[in-house]
C-alpha atoms as a PDB file:
ATOM      1  CA  MET A   1     -12.235   3.070 -40.734  1.00  0.00           C
ATOM      2  CA  LEU A   2      -8.492   3.278 -41.667  1.00  0.00           C
ATOM      3  CA  SER A   3      -8.434   6.776 -40.142  1.00  0.00           C
ATOM      4  CA  LEU A   4     -10.112   5.088 -36.608  1.00  0.00           C
ATOM      5  CA  ALA A   5      -7.691   2.400 -36.782  1.00  0.00           C
ATOM      6  CA  ILE A   6      -4.886   4.469 -36.907  1.00  0.00           C
ATOM      7  CA  PHE A   7      -6.638   6.819 -34.181  1.00  0.00           C
ATOM      8  CA  ILE A   8      -6.899   3.804 -32.541  1.00  0.00           C
ATOM      9  CA  ALA A   9      -3.238   2.458 -32.508  1.00  0.00           C
ATOM     10  CA  THR A  10      -1.828   5.998 -31.740  1.00  0.00           C
ATOM     11  CA  GLN A  11      -4.185   6.769 -29.001  1.00  0.00           C
ATOM     12  CA  SER A  12      -3.094   3.045 -27.963  1.00  0.00           C
ATOM     13  CA  LEU A  13       0.394   3.328 -28.293  1.00  0.00           C
ATOM     14  CA  LEU A  14       0.653   6.884 -26.497  1.00  0.00           C
ATOM     15  CA  ALA A  15      -1.545   5.765 -23.507  1.00  0.00           C
ATOM     16  CA  GLN A  16       0.991   2.985 -22.736  1.00  0.00           C
ATOM     17  CA  PRO A  17       3.111   2.702 -19.901  1.00  0.00           C
ATOM     18  CA  GLN A  18       6.322   1.104 -20.688  1.00  0.00           C
ATOM     19  CA  GLY A  19       6.884  -0.785 -17.636  1.00  0.00           C
ATOM     20  CA  PRO A  20       8.296  -4.247 -16.843  1.00  0.00           C
ATOM     21  CA  ARG A  21       5.191  -5.876 -18.232  1.00  0.00           C
ATOM     22  CA  GLN A  22       3.789  -2.953 -20.292  1.00  0.00           C
ATOM     23  CA  GLY A  23       6.166  -3.859 -23.312  1.00  0.00           C
ATOM     24  CA  PRO A  24       5.383  -2.981 -27.125  1.00  0.00           C
ATOM     25  CA  ARG A  25       4.007  -6.793 -27.817  1.00  0.00           C
ATOM     26  CA  ALA A  26       1.572  -5.631 -25.144  1.00  0.00           C
ATOM     27  CA  GLY A  27       0.926  -2.283 -27.071  1.00  0.00           C
ATOM     28  CA  ARG A  28       0.149  -4.573 -29.961  1.00  0.00           C
ATOM     29  CA  LEU A  29      -1.816  -6.788 -28.532  1.00  0.00           C
ATOM     30  CA  GLU A  30      -4.010  -4.035 -26.937  1.00  0.00           C
ATOM     31  CA  GLU A  31      -4.202  -2.636 -30.357  1.00  0.00           C
ATOM     32  CA  PHE A  32      -5.595  -5.577 -31.700  1.00  0.00           C
ATOM     33  CA  ARG A  33      -7.776  -5.943 -28.944  1.00  0.00           C
ATOM     34  CA  LYS A  34      -9.316  -2.607 -29.901  1.00  0.00           C
ATOM     35  CA  MET A  35      -9.741  -2.919 -33.371  1.00  0.00           C
ATOM     36  CA  ARG A  36     -11.410  -6.127 -32.932  1.00  0.00           C
ATOM     37  CA  LEU A  37     -13.510  -4.178 -30.863  1.00  0.00           C
ATOM     38  CA  VAL A  38     -14.957  -1.685 -33.340  1.00  0.00           C
ATOM     39  CA  GLU A  39     -15.439  -4.571 -35.864  1.00  0.00           C
ATOM     40  CA  VAL A  40     -17.120  -6.922 -33.787  1.00  0.00           C
ATOM     41  CA  LEU A  41     -18.802  -3.914 -32.253  1.00  0.00           C
ATOM     42  CA  LYS A  42     -19.650  -2.228 -35.262  1.00  0.00           C
ATOM     43  CA  LEU A  43     -19.380   1.311 -33.679  1.00  0.00           C
ATOM     44  CA  LYS A  44     -18.974   4.548 -36.019  1.00  0.00           C
ATOM     45  CA  GLU A  45     -15.661   6.602 -35.552  1.00  0.00           C
ATOM     46  CA  ASP A  46     -17.772   8.666 -32.951  1.00  0.00           C
ATOM     47  CA  GLU A  47     -18.559   5.933 -30.722  1.00  0.00           C
ATOM     48  CA  ALA A  48     -15.653   4.261 -31.182  1.00  0.00           C
ATOM     49  CA  VAL A  49     -13.987   7.023 -29.262  1.00  0.00           C
ATOM     50  CA  ARG A  50     -16.476   7.697 -26.893  1.00  0.00           C
ATOM     51  CA  PHE A  51     -16.483   3.649 -25.691  1.00  0.00           C
ATOM     52  CA  PHE A  52     -12.637   3.783 -25.528  1.00  0.00           C
ATOM     53  CA  ALA A  53     -12.767   6.836 -23.334  1.00  0.00           C
ATOM     54  CA  LYS A  54     -15.293   4.805 -20.982  1.00  0.00           C
ATOM     55  CA  GLN A  55     -12.887   2.081 -20.623  1.00  0.00           C
ATOM     56  CA  SER A  56      -9.863   4.013 -20.382  1.00  0.00           C
ATOM     57  CA  ALA A  57     -11.310   5.618 -17.370  1.00  0.00           C
ATOM     58  CA  HIS A  58     -12.813   2.399 -16.083  1.00  0.00           C
ATOM     59  CA  GLU A  59      -8.849   0.809 -16.579  1.00  0.00           C
ATOM     60  CA  ASP A  60      -7.208   3.738 -14.807  1.00  0.00           C
ATOM     61  CA  LYS A  61      -9.961   3.081 -12.156  1.00  0.00           C
ATOM     62  CA  ILE A  62      -9.236  -0.543 -11.888  1.00  0.00           C
ATOM     63  CA  LYS A  63      -5.410  -0.241 -11.873  1.00  0.00           C
ATOM     64  CA  GLU A  64      -5.804   2.362  -8.386  1.00  0.00           C
ATOM     65  CA  LEU A  65      -7.999  -0.066  -6.661  1.00  0.00           C
ATOM     66  CA  MET A  66      -5.574  -2.944  -7.490  1.00  0.00           C
ATOM     67  CA  LYS A  67      -2.264  -0.722  -6.283  1.00  0.00           C
ATOM     68  CA  ALA A  68      -4.141  -0.580  -2.929  1.00  0.00           C
ATOM     69  CA  ARG A  69      -4.881  -3.964  -2.883  1.00  0.00           C
ATOM     70  CA  ASN A  70      -1.488  -4.994  -3.525  1.00  0.00           C
ATOM     71  CA  ASP A  71      -0.055  -2.803  -1.120  1.00  0.00           C
ATOM     72  CA  ALA A  72      -2.508  -4.079   1.273  1.00  0.00           C
ATOM     73  CA  LEU A  73      -1.229  -7.623   0.746  1.00  0.00           C
ATOM     74  CA  ASP A  74       2.482  -6.197   0.751  1.00  0.00           C
ATOM     75  CA  ASP A  75       1.894  -5.609   4.048  1.00  0.00           C
ATOM     76  CA  ILE A  76       0.076  -8.715   5.099  1.00  0.00           C
ATOM     77  CA  ASP A  77       3.235 -10.309   3.505  1.00  0.00           C
ATOM     78  CA  LYS A  78       6.180  -8.147   5.359  1.00  0.00           C
ATOM     79  CA  THR A  79       3.785  -8.367   8.987  1.00  0.00           C
ATOM     80  CA  VAL A  80       3.439 -12.722   8.538  1.00  0.00           C
ATOM     81  CA  ARG A  81       7.585 -12.564   7.694  1.00  0.00           C
ATOM     82  CA  GLU A  82       7.993 -10.393  10.305  1.00  0.00           C
ATOM     83  CA  LYS A  83       6.042 -12.243  12.395  1.00  0.00           C
ATOM     84  CA  GLY A  84       3.917  -9.297  13.237  1.00  0.00           C
ATOM     85  CA  ASP A  85       0.375  -8.813  15.155  1.00  0.00           C
ATOM     86  CA  ALA A  86      -2.417 -10.217  14.415  1.00  0.00           C
ATOM     87  CA  LYS A  87      -3.625  -6.763  14.865  1.00  0.00           C
ATOM     88  CA  GLY A  88      -2.027  -5.569  11.536  1.00  0.00           C
ATOM     89  CA  ILE A  89      -3.011  -8.518   9.620  1.00  0.00           C
ATOM     90  CA  GLN A  90      -6.606  -8.117  10.302  1.00  0.00           C
ATOM     91  CA  LYS A  91      -6.655  -4.740   9.139  1.00  0.00           C
ATOM     92  CA  SER A  92      -4.942  -5.287   5.847  1.00  0.00           C
ATOM     93  CA  SER A  93      -6.811  -7.968   5.555  1.00  0.00           C
ATOM     94  CA  GLY A  94      -9.603  -6.066   5.366  1.00  0.00           C
ATOM     95  CA  ASP A  95      -8.229  -3.500   3.499  1.00  0.00           C
ATOM     96  CA  VAL A  96      -7.713  -6.315   0.623  1.00  0.00           C
ATOM     97  CA  LEU A  97     -11.437  -7.475   1.386  1.00  0.00           C
ATOM     98  CA  ASP A  98     -12.030  -3.533   0.563  1.00  0.00           C
ATOM     99  CA  ALA A  99     -10.241  -3.238  -2.385  1.00  0.00           C
ATOM    100  CA  ASP A 100     -11.922  -6.310  -4.021  1.00  0.00           C
ATOM    101  CA  GLN A 101     -15.513  -4.697  -3.014  1.00  0.00           C
ATOM    102  CA  LYS A 102     -14.390  -1.488  -4.575  1.00  0.00           C
ATOM    103  CA  ILE A 103     -13.105  -3.600  -7.705  1.00  0.00           C
ATOM    104  CA  PHE A 104     -16.333  -5.432  -8.340  1.00  0.00           C
ATOM    105  CA  ALA A 105     -18.565  -2.413  -7.902  1.00  0.00           C
ATOM    106  CA  GLU A 106     -16.417  -0.617 -10.374  1.00  0.00           C
ATOM    107  CA  ARG A 107     -16.914  -3.594 -12.465  1.00  0.00           C
ATOM    108  CA  GLN A 108     -20.204  -3.332 -12.020  1.00  0.00           C
ATOM    109  CA  ARG A 109     -20.599   0.460 -12.976  1.00  0.00           C
ATOM    110  CA  TYR A 110     -18.629   0.288 -15.814  1.00  0.00           C
ATOM    111  CA  GLN A 111     -20.967  -2.615 -17.331  1.00  0.00           C
ATOM    112  CA  GLU A 112     -24.378  -0.744 -16.686  1.00  0.00           C
ATOM    113  CA  GLU A 113     -22.358   2.339 -18.538  1.00  0.00           C
ATOM    114  CA  LEU A 114     -21.905   0.186 -20.884  1.00  0.00           C
ATOM    115  CA  LYS A 115     -25.380  -0.969 -21.026  1.00  0.00           C
ATOM    116  CA  ASN A 116     -26.933   2.256 -21.759  1.00  0.00           C
ATOM    117  CA  PHE A 117     -24.157   3.274 -23.978  1.00  0.00           C
ATOM    118  CA  LEU A 118     -24.480   0.848 -26.554  1.00  0.00           C
ATOM    119  CA  THR A 119     -27.313  -1.252 -27.958  1.00  0.00           C
ATOM    120  CA  PRO A 120     -28.541  -4.395 -26.119  1.00  0.00           C
ATOM    121  CA  GLU A 121     -27.070  -6.818 -29.209  1.00  0.00           C
ATOM    122  CA  GLN A 122     -23.812  -4.386 -28.338  1.00  0.00           C
ATOM    123  CA  PHE A 123     -23.707  -5.188 -24.918  1.00  0.00           C
ATOM    124  CA  GLY A 124     -24.385  -8.498 -25.526  1.00  0.00           C
ATOM    125  CA  LYS A 125     -21.117  -8.695 -28.212  1.00  0.00           C
ATOM    126  CA  PHE A 126     -18.712  -6.942 -25.787  1.00  0.00           C
ATOM    127  CA  LEU A 127     -19.764  -9.510 -22.964  1.00  0.00           C
ATOM    128  CA  VAL A 128     -18.778 -12.659 -24.921  1.00  0.00           C
ATOM    129  CA  PHE A 129     -16.138 -10.897 -26.993  1.00  0.00           C
ATOM    130  CA  GLU A 130     -14.345  -9.973 -23.290  1.00  0.00           C
ATOM    131  CA  ARG A 131     -14.599 -13.149 -22.507  1.00  0.00           C
ATOM    132  CA  ASN A 132     -13.812 -15.369 -25.701  1.00  0.00           C
ATOM    133  CA  PHE A 133     -10.313 -12.653 -25.994  1.00  0.00           C
ATOM    134  CA  GLU A 134      -9.698 -13.396 -22.217  1.00  0.00           C
ATOM    135  CA  HIS A 135     -10.135 -17.478 -23.026  1.00  0.00           C
ATOM    136  CA  HIS A 136      -7.721 -17.120 -26.210  1.00  0.00           C
ATOM    137  CA  MET A 137      -4.930 -15.519 -24.790  1.00  0.00           C
ATOM    138  CA  ARG A 138      -4.892 -17.949 -21.802  1.00  0.00           C
ATOM    139  CA  GLU A 139      -4.783 -20.825 -23.735  1.00  0.00           C
ATOM    140  CA  ALA A 140      -2.131 -18.934 -26.547  1.00  0.00           C
ATOM    141  CA  MET A 141      -0.111 -18.470 -23.324  1.00  0.00           C
ATOM    142  CA  GLN A 142      -0.504 -21.890 -22.345  1.00  0.00           C
ATOM    143  CA  ASP A 143       0.556 -23.215 -25.712  1.00  0.00           C
ATOM    144  CA  MET A 144       4.108 -21.213 -25.860  1.00  0.00           C
ATOM    145  CA  PHE A 145       5.044 -22.019 -22.399  1.00  0.00           C
ATOM    146  CA  ARG A 146       4.294 -25.842 -23.270  1.00  0.00           C
ATOM    147  CA  GLU A 147       6.031 -25.448 -26.218  1.00  0.00           C
ATOM    148  CA  ARG A 148       9.196 -23.598 -24.797  1.00  0.00           C
ATOM    149  CA  GLY A 149       9.041 -25.916 -22.146  1.00  0.00           C
ATOM    150  CA  HIS A 150       9.202 -29.004 -24.655  1.00  0.00           C
ATOM    151  CA  ARG A 151      12.336 -27.217 -26.682  1.00  0.00           C
ATOM    152  CA  ASP A 152      13.955 -26.548 -23.399  1.00  0.00           C
ATOM    153  CA  GLY A 153      13.604 -30.210 -22.579  1.00  0.00           C
ATOM    154  CA  ASN A 154      15.097 -31.258 -25.702  1.00  0.00           C
ATOM    155  CA  ASP A 155      18.052 -28.849 -25.818  1.00  0.00           C
END
Protein backbone atom coordinates (compact mmCIF):
# COMPACT_ATOMS: atom_id res chain seq x y z
CA MET A 1 0.00 0.00 0.00
CA LEU A 2 2.87 2.35 0.82
CA SER A 3 4.51 1.73 -2.55
CA LEU A 4 1.20 2.45 -4.26
CA ALA A 5 0.84 5.72 -2.34
CA ILE A 6 4.38 6.74 -3.30
CA PHE A 7 3.75 5.83 -6.94
CA ILE A 8 0.52 7.83 -7.04
CA ALA A 9 2.15 10.79 -5.31
CA THR A 10 5.04 10.76 -7.77
CA GLN A 11 2.76 10.45 -10.79
CA SER A 12 0.50 13.16 -9.43
CA LEU A 13 3.33 15.62 -8.88
CA LEU A 14 4.91 14.93 -12.26
CA ALA A 15 1.59 15.31 -14.05
CA GLN A 16 0.59 18.56 -12.33
CA PRO A 17 0.92 21.62 -14.53
CA GLN A 18 2.18 24.53 -12.46
CA GLY A 19 0.01 27.20 -14.06
CA PRO A 20 -1.78 29.98 -12.23
CA ARG A 21 -4.51 27.67 -10.91
CA GLN A 22 -2.34 24.60 -10.43
CA GLY A 23 0.15 25.18 -7.66
CA PRO A 24 1.57 22.88 -5.03
CA ARG A 25 -1.67 22.94 -3.03
CA ALA A 26 -3.66 21.67 -5.99
CA GLY A 27 -1.11 18.88 -6.42
CA ARG A 28 -1.41 17.86 -2.78
CA LEU A 29 -5.18 17.96 -2.99
CA GLU A 30 -5.16 15.75 -6.07
CA GLU A 31 -2.72 13.39 -4.37
CA PHE A 32 -5.03 13.17 -1.34
CA ARG A 33 -8.04 12.59 -3.60
CA LYS A 34 -6.29 9.74 -5.39
CA MET A 35 -5.16 8.09 -2.17
CA ARG A 36 -8.70 8.31 -0.77
CA LEU A 37 -10.10 6.81 -3.97
CA VAL A 38 -7.70 3.86 -3.71
CA GLU A 39 -8.84 3.34 -0.12
CA VAL A 40 -12.56 3.72 -0.81
CA LEU A 41 -12.52 1.49 -3.89
CA LYS A 42 -10.02 -0.96 -2.34
CA LEU A 43 -7.98 -1.02 -5.54
CA LYS A 44 -4.97 -3.29 -5.87
CA GLU A 45 -1.79 -1.69 -7.19
CA ASP A 46 -2.27 -2.85 -10.79
CA GLU A 47 -5.93 -1.82 -10.72
CA ALA A 48 -5.03 1.62 -9.38
CA VAL A 49 -2.48 2.14 -12.14
CA ARG A 50 -5.05 1.23 -14.81
CA PHE A 51 -7.78 3.27 -13.10
CA PHE A 52 -5.68 6.43 -12.94
CA ALA A 53 -4.47 5.96 -16.52
CA LYS A 54 -8.12 5.95 -17.62
CA GLN A 55 -8.85 8.96 -15.42
CA SER A 56 -5.85 10.88 -16.76
CA ALA A 57 -6.89 10.27 -20.38
CA HIS A 58 -10.41 11.43 -19.52
CA GLU A 59 -9.14 14.59 -17.81
CA ASP A 60 -6.91 15.40 -20.79
CA LYS A 61 -9.86 15.09 -23.15
CA ILE A 62 -12.07 17.26 -20.91
CA LYS A 63 -9.32 19.93 -20.71
CA GLU A 64 -9.08 19.94 -24.52
CA LEU A 65 -12.86 20.31 -24.88
CA MET A 66 -13.01 23.02 -22.20
CA LYS A 67 -10.30 24.95 -24.01
CA ALA A 68 -12.34 24.85 -27.23
CA ARG A 69 -15.44 25.94 -25.28
CA ASN A 70 -13.60 28.82 -23.61
CA ASP A 71 -12.09 29.92 -26.92
CA ALA A 72 -15.60 30.10 -28.41
CA LEU A 73 -16.83 32.08 -25.38
CA ASP A 74 -13.89 34.47 -25.79
CA ASP A 75 -14.90 34.93 -29.43
CA ILE A 76 -18.46 35.75 -28.36
CA ASP A 77 -17.20 38.21 -25.76
CA LYS A 78 -14.94 39.94 -28.27
CA THR A 79 -17.67 40.10 -30.93
CA VAL A 80 -20.18 41.55 -28.46
CA ARG A 81 -17.71 44.14 -27.11
CA GLU A 82 -16.79 45.22 -30.65
CA LYS A 83 -20.46 45.26 -31.65
CA GLY A 84 -19.74 42.65 -34.33
CA ASP A 85 -22.20 40.84 -36.51
CA ALA A 86 -24.81 38.42 -35.23
CA LYS A 87 -23.56 35.66 -37.54
CA GLY A 88 -20.24 35.53 -35.72
CA ILE A 89 -22.04 35.28 -32.40
CA GLN A 90 -24.30 32.53 -33.76
CA LYS A 91 -21.33 30.53 -35.03
CA SER A 92 -19.43 30.84 -31.75
CA SER A 93 -22.59 30.04 -29.77
CA GLY A 94 -22.96 26.90 -31.84
CA ASP A 95 -19.34 26.04 -31.05
CA VAL A 96 -20.07 26.40 -27.31
CA LEU A 97 -23.12 24.15 -27.57
CA ASP A 98 -21.14 21.63 -29.60
CA ALA A 99 -18.37 21.59 -26.99
CA ASP A 100 -20.97 21.13 -24.23
CA GLN A 101 -22.38 18.09 -26.03
CA LYS A 102 -18.90 16.64 -26.50
CA ILE A 103 -18.08 17.19 -22.81
CA PHE A 104 -21.26 15.40 -21.80
CA ALA A 105 -20.55 12.55 -24.25
CA GLU A 106 -16.98 12.22 -22.94
CA ARG A 107 -18.25 12.06 -19.37
CA GLN A 108 -20.72 9.32 -20.33
CA ARG A 109 -18.00 7.42 -22.20
CA TYR A 110 -15.68 7.60 -19.21
CA GLN A 111 -18.37 6.45 -16.80
CA GLU A 112 -19.25 3.52 -19.06
CA GLU A 113 -15.57 2.59 -19.23
CA LEU A 114 -15.33 2.69 -15.43
CA LYS A 115 -18.58 0.77 -15.08
CA ASN A 116 -17.02 -2.04 -17.14
CA PHE A 117 -13.70 -1.85 -15.28
CA LEU A 118 -14.95 -1.70 -11.68
CA THR A 119 -17.32 -3.99 -9.84
CA PRO A 120 -20.87 -2.62 -9.44
CA GLU A 121 -20.12 -1.85 -5.77
CA GLN A 122 -16.87 -0.07 -6.63
CA PHE A 123 -18.57 1.92 -9.38
CA GLY A 124 -21.32 2.99 -7.00
CA LYS A 125 -18.75 3.99 -4.40
CA PHE A 126 -16.87 5.94 -7.08
CA LEU A 127 -19.96 7.93 -8.05
CA VAL A 128 -20.79 8.74 -4.43
CA PHE A 129 -17.14 9.61 -3.68
CA GLU A 130 -17.02 12.05 -6.60
CA ARG A 131 -20.21 13.80 -5.48
CA ASN A 132 -19.16 13.96 -1.84
CA PHE A 133 -15.60 15.09 -2.57
CA GLU A 134 -16.83 17.94 -4.78
CA HIS A 135 -19.42 18.91 -2.16
CA HIS A 136 -16.85 18.95 0.65
CA MET A 137 -14.44 20.98 -1.48
CA ARG A 138 -17.10 23.60 -2.20
CA GLU A 139 -17.99 23.79 1.49
CA ALA A 140 -14.34 24.15 2.48
CA MET A 141 -13.83 26.92 -0.07
CA GLN A 142 -16.94 28.75 1.12
CA ASP A 143 -15.82 28.43 4.74
CA MET A 144 -12.38 29.74 3.82
CA PHE A 145 -13.84 32.76 2.01
CA ARG A 146 -16.25 33.46 4.88
CA GLU A 147 -13.39 33.31 7.39
CA ARG A 148 -11.22 35.54 5.22
CA GLY A 149 -14.05 38.04 4.80
CA HIS A 150 -14.75 38.01 8.52
CA ARG A 151 -11.08 38.58 9.39
CA ASP A 152 -10.75 41.31 6.75
CA GLY A 153 -13.83 43.04 8.15
CA ASN A 154 -12.34 43.13 11.65
CA ASP A 155 -8.93 44.48 10.70
